Amino acid sequence: MYMSTRHQEGLAHLLYGINHGGGFVALTGEVGTGKTTLCHCLLEQLPDNIDIALILNPKLNAIELLATICDDLSIPYDIGGQSLKNLVDALNRYLLSAHANNRRTVLIIDEAQNLNLEVLEQIRLLTNL
């Protein structure tokens, strides 16, 4: 893949945010500029202690988003009893365990501009975990 100076800069910012950050990193650009390709390039360069949940379809409600995150991270949850509380509790247990084992967990959402307000608020609340 040919990476322009802007792509190299974007990848460097993403890697820095993942390796040294603790909040949100946003990658923006016009349609067709290679943001999704850059995210896939990022996935190939992550350290071994990083666990990734990758959301490619942001047209989800809050419960679907949390279930998808749990699925991507192989977090067991009660499929029949999906509720915000059950999913958040399962995710919280996972994050505590990951932190205790010196692992970092990263959520990547492609096309995040399509998230609805309820889901954006749920993502904000996840930062409390």
C-alpha atoms as a PDB file:
ATOM      1  CA  MET A   1       0.000   0.000   0.000  1.00  0.00           C
ATOM      2  CA  TYR A   2       1.298   3.436  -0.910  1.00  0.00           C
ATOM      3  CA  MET A   3       0.959   5.782   2.017  1.00  0.00           C
ATOM      4  CA  SER A   4       1.033   9.486   1.376  1.00  0.00           C
ATOM      5  CA  THR A   5       2.453  11.829   3.984  1.00  0.00           C
ATOM      6  CA  ARG A   6      -1.097  12.461   5.244  1.00  0.00           C
ATOM      7  CA  HIS A   7      -1.772   8.712   5.552  1.00  0.00           C
ATOM      8  CA  GLN A   8       1.497   8.197   7.426  1.00  0.00           C
ATOM      9  CA  GLU A   9       0.600  11.054   9.748  1.00  0.00           C
ATOM     10  CA  GLY A  10      -2.889   9.657  10.326  1.00  0.00           C
ATOM     11  CA  LEU A  11      -1.525   6.193  11.100  1.00  0.00           C
ATOM     12  CA  ALA A  12       1.054   7.651  13.474  1.00  0.00           C
ATOM     13  CA  HIS A  13      -1.689   9.534  15.349  1.00  0.00           C
ATOM     14  CA  LEU A  14      -3.828   6.406  15.597  1.00  0.00           C
ATOM     15  CA  LEU A  15      -0.918   4.335  16.892  1.00  0.00           C
ATOM     16  CA  TYR A  16       0.013   7.032  19.393  1.00  0.00           C
ATOM     17  CA  GLY A  17      -3.582   7.261  20.623  1.00  0.00           C
ATOM     18  CA  ILE A  18      -3.780   3.508  21.090  1.00  0.00           C
ATOM     19  CA  ASN A  19      -0.379   3.094  22.714  1.00  0.00           C
ATOM     20  CA  HIS A  20      -0.367   6.202  24.914  1.00  0.00           C
ATOM     21  CA  GLY A  21      -3.910   7.529  25.053  1.00  0.00           C
ATOM     22  CA  GLY A  22      -6.878   6.757  27.177  1.00  0.00           C
ATOM     23  CA  GLY A  23      -9.765   8.376  25.419  1.00  0.00           C
ATOM     24  CA  PHE A  24     -11.012   9.029  21.935  1.00  0.00           C
ATOM     25  CA  VAL A  25      -9.057   9.345  18.715  1.00  0.00           C
ATOM     26  CA  ALA A  26     -10.909  10.493  15.616  1.00  0.00           C
ATOM     27  CA  LEU A  27      -9.746  10.020  12.053  1.00  0.00           C
ATOM     28  CA  THR A  28     -11.648  12.252   9.662  1.00  0.00           C
ATOM     29  CA  GLY A  29     -11.510  12.896   5.959  1.00  0.00           C
ATOM     30  CA  GLU A  30     -13.544  13.084   2.804  1.00  0.00           C
ATOM     31  CA  VAL A  31     -15.219  10.010   1.318  1.00  0.00           C
ATOM     32  CA  GLY A  32     -12.702   7.866  -0.538  1.00  0.00           C
ATOM     33  CA  THR A  33      -9.567   9.221   1.120  1.00  0.00           C
ATOM     34  CA  GLY A  34      -8.583   5.855   2.616  1.00  0.00           C
ATOM     35  CA  LYS A  35      -9.771   6.017   6.229  1.00  0.00           C
ATOM     36  CA  THR A  36     -11.045   2.423   6.241  1.00  0.00           C
ATOM     37  CA  THR A  37      -7.903   1.189   4.493  1.00  0.00           C
ATOM     38  CA  LEU A  38      -5.816   3.033   7.076  1.00  0.00           C
ATOM     39  CA  CYS A  39      -7.765   1.318   9.878  1.00  0.00           C
ATOM     40  CA  HIS A  40      -7.013  -2.082   8.358  1.00  0.00           C
ATOM     41  CA  CYS A  41      -3.344  -1.106   8.085  1.00  0.00           C
ATOM     42  CA  LEU A  42      -3.473  -0.098  11.751  1.00  0.00           C
ATOM     43  CA  LEU A  43      -4.783  -3.522  12.754  1.00  0.00           C
ATOM     44  CA  GLU A  44      -1.676  -5.132  11.249  1.00  0.00           C
ATOM     45  CA  GLN A  45       0.664  -2.945  13.314  1.00  0.00           C
ATOM     46  CA  LEU A  46      -0.814  -3.241  16.790  1.00  0.00           C
ATOM     47  CA  PRO A  47       1.218  -4.717  19.648  1.00  0.00           C
ATOM     48  CA  ASP A  48       0.284  -8.173  20.925  1.00  0.00           C
ATOM     49  CA  ASN A  49      -1.210  -6.819  24.166  1.00  0.00           C
ATOM     50  CA  ILE A  50      -4.009  -4.979  22.345  1.00  0.00           C
ATOM     51  CA  ASP A  51      -7.477  -6.510  22.001  1.00  0.00           C
ATOM     52  CA  ILE A  52      -9.656  -5.032  19.266  1.00  0.00           C
ATOM     53  CA  ALA A  53     -13.380  -4.753  18.745  1.00  0.00           C
ATOM     54  CA  LEU A  54     -14.016  -3.528  15.201  1.00  0.00           C
ATOM     55  CA  ILE A  55     -17.460  -2.191  14.333  1.00  0.00           C
ATOM     56  CA  LEU A  56     -17.978  -1.949  10.583  1.00  0.00           C
ATOM     57  CA  ASN A  57     -21.739  -1.355  10.651  1.00  0.00           C
ATOM     58  CA  PRO A  58     -22.568   1.625  12.865  1.00  0.00           C
ATOM     59  CA  LYS A  59     -26.317   1.368  12.167  1.00  0.00           C
ATOM     60  CA  LEU A  60     -26.868  -0.397  15.489  1.00  0.00           C
ATOM     61  CA  ASN A  61     -28.825   0.408  18.611  1.00  0.00           C
ATOM     62  CA  ALA A  62     -27.049   0.464  21.981  1.00  0.00           C
ATOM     63  CA  ILE A  63     -27.775  -3.189  22.839  1.00  0.00           C
ATOM     64  CA  GLU A  64     -26.662  -4.369  19.392  1.00  0.00           C
ATOM     65  CA  LEU A  65     -23.476  -2.312  19.685  1.00  0.00           C
ATOM     66  CA  LEU A  66     -22.595  -3.789  23.084  1.00  0.00           C
ATOM     67  CA  ALA A  67     -23.408  -7.315  21.884  1.00  0.00           C
ATOM     68  CA  THR A  68     -21.178  -6.802  18.831  1.00  0.00           C
ATOM     69  CA  ILE A  69     -18.341  -5.543  21.037  1.00  0.00           C
ATOM     70  CA  CYS A  70     -18.735  -8.587  23.279  1.00  0.00           C
ATOM     71  CA  ASP A  71     -18.805 -10.884  20.241  1.00  0.00           C
ATOM     72  CA  ASP A  72     -15.629  -9.324  18.780  1.00  0.00           C
ATOM     73  CA  LEU A  73     -13.819  -9.679  22.110  1.00  0.00           C
ATOM     74  CA  SER A  74     -15.202 -13.203  22.710  1.00  0.00           C
ATOM     75  CA  ILE A  75     -16.902 -12.072  25.907  1.00  0.00           C
ATOM     76  CA  PRO A  76     -19.596 -14.530  27.000  1.00  0.00           C
ATOM     77  CA  TYR A  77     -23.003 -13.083  27.815  1.00  0.00           C
ATOM     78  CA  ASP A  78     -26.554 -14.333  28.193  1.00  0.00           C
ATOM     79  CA  ILE A  79     -27.882 -14.239  24.628  1.00  0.00           C
ATOM     80  CA  GLY A  80     -31.448 -14.751  25.796  1.00  0.00           C
ATOM     81  CA  GLY A  81     -31.224 -12.021  28.416  1.00  0.00           C
ATOM     82  CA  GLN A  82     -29.590  -9.250  26.436  1.00  0.00           C
ATOM     83  CA  SER A  83     -29.992  -6.007  28.288  1.00  0.00           C
ATOM     84  CA  LEU A  84     -27.790  -2.968  28.639  1.00  0.00           C
ATOM     85  CA  LYS A  85     -26.993  -3.948  32.210  1.00  0.00           C
ATOM     86  CA  ASN A  86     -26.028  -7.551  31.399  1.00  0.00           C
ATOM     87  CA  LEU A  87     -23.847  -6.510  28.463  1.00  0.00           C
ATOM     88  CA  VAL A  88     -22.167  -3.649  30.339  1.00  0.00           C
ATOM     89  CA  ASP A  89     -21.532  -5.935  33.327  1.00  0.00           C
ATOM     90  CA  ALA A  90     -19.941  -8.574  31.075  1.00  0.00           C
ATOM     91  CA  LEU A  91     -17.824  -5.951  29.331  1.00  0.00           C
ATOM     92  CA  ASN A  92     -16.779  -4.423  32.661  1.00  0.00           C
ATOM     93  CA  ARG A  93     -15.642  -7.812  34.007  1.00  0.00           C
ATOM     94  CA  TYR A  94     -13.666  -8.373  30.813  1.00  0.00           C
ATOM     95  CA  LEU A  95     -12.006  -4.944  30.969  1.00  0.00           C
ATOM     96  CA  LEU A  96     -11.026  -5.387  34.618  1.00  0.00           C
ATOM     97  CA  SER A  97      -9.480  -8.761  33.822  1.00  0.00           C
ATOM     98  CA  ALA A  98      -7.714  -7.403  30.736  1.00  0.00           C
ATOM     99  CA  HIS A  99      -6.301  -4.484  32.713  1.00  0.00           C
ATOM    100  CA  ALA A 100      -5.078  -6.848  35.450  1.00  0.00           C
ATOM    101  CA  ASN A 101      -3.289  -8.845  32.735  1.00  0.00           C
ATOM    102  CA  ASN A 102      -1.651  -5.710  31.258  1.00  0.00           C
ATOM    103  CA  ARG A 103      -3.831  -5.788  28.148  1.00  0.00           C
ATOM    104  CA  ARG A 104      -5.447  -2.822  26.445  1.00  0.00           C
ATOM    105  CA  THR A 105      -8.807  -2.942  24.754  1.00  0.00           C
ATOM    106  CA  VAL A 106      -9.574  -0.735  21.774  1.00  0.00           C
ATOM    107  CA  LEU A 107     -12.897  -0.103  20.062  1.00  0.00           C
ATOM    108  CA  ILE A 108     -12.684   0.956  16.411  1.00  0.00           C
ATOM    109  CA  ILE A 109     -15.868   2.203  14.772  1.00  0.00           C
ATOM    110  CA  ASP A 110     -15.765   2.726  11.031  1.00  0.00           C
ATOM    111  CA  GLU A 111     -18.246   5.277   9.675  1.00  0.00           C
ATOM    112  CA  ALA A 112     -18.900   6.527  13.216  1.00  0.00           C
ATOM    113  CA  GLN A 113     -20.627   9.623  11.861  1.00  0.00           C
ATOM    114  CA  ASN A 114     -23.628   7.341  11.258  1.00  0.00           C
ATOM    115  CA  LEU A 115     -24.073   6.482  14.954  1.00  0.00           C
ATOM    116  CA  ASN A 116     -27.302   7.688  16.502  1.00  0.00           C
ATOM    117  CA  LEU A 117     -27.307   9.793  19.675  1.00  0.00           C
ATOM    118  CA  GLU A 118     -28.342   6.891  21.943  1.00  0.00           C
ATOM    119  CA  VAL A 119     -25.347   4.855  20.772  1.00  0.00           C
ATOM    120  CA  LEU A 120     -22.966   7.813  21.055  1.00  0.00           C
ATOM    121  CA  GLU A 121     -24.091   8.280  24.655  1.00  0.00           C
ATOM    122  CA  GLN A 122     -23.534   4.570  25.350  1.00  0.00           C
ATOM    123  CA  ILE A 123     -20.007   4.830  23.954  1.00  0.00           C
ATOM    124  CA  ARG A 124     -19.367   7.852  26.170  1.00  0.00           C
ATOM    125  CA  LEU A 125     -20.576   5.857  29.166  1.00  0.00           C
ATOM    126  CA  LEU A 126     -18.199   3.004  28.288  1.00  0.00           C
ATOM    127  CA  THR A 127     -15.301   5.358  28.980  1.00  0.00           C
ATOM    128  CA  ASN A 128     -16.354   5.245  32.648  1.00  0.00           C
ATOM    129  CA  LEU A 129     -15.414   1.566  32.713  1.00  0.00           C
END
